[in-house]
């Protein structure tokens, strides 16, 4: 299967499952799916203002909008413009059937959507940055907390420890 169409189908699946989801939540779900659960989306994530980000996702959202699979509506939230994604009434067809890819990764995607989809932008920023640092740099708790605080100084070490502990308790980090 083509990676591009696999990713489109995953985005489409998440939007349909949730009915309304902010783009930031979608990006972080895709990041965690790839980074922690090895869902082979093949994005190139780097650190961005609000945590890990892959620019290809924006292009794919535009493609899905043009193909009438989803709607992308700009929303102003406290001096921040986000995009609310929702399913379109008449979805366009995908040139390939990607249901096998979805079926293989459905449980992981469902778990992440249930946990992350309704979090605030700040929560998503923090947990995704913790996961980014944990998976690429430090597994040691103290080093991880210091590095996350260095990258995101607006989060104090107590808050970072709280979210780190939550991720451990929910078995996202092992």
Foldseek 3Di string as FASTA:
>chain_A
DDLLLLVLVLLLVLQAVVQKFWPLLVQLLVLLCCQQVVLPSPFDWDQDPLGTGGVVVVVSLVVQVVQQQWDWDWDDDPNDTITMIGGGPDGHDDPDDNVVSCVVCVVSSVVSCVPRRPDDSNLSSLLRNLSVCCRPPDVDLVVSLVVSCVVVVVDDSVNSVVSVVVCVVVPSRD
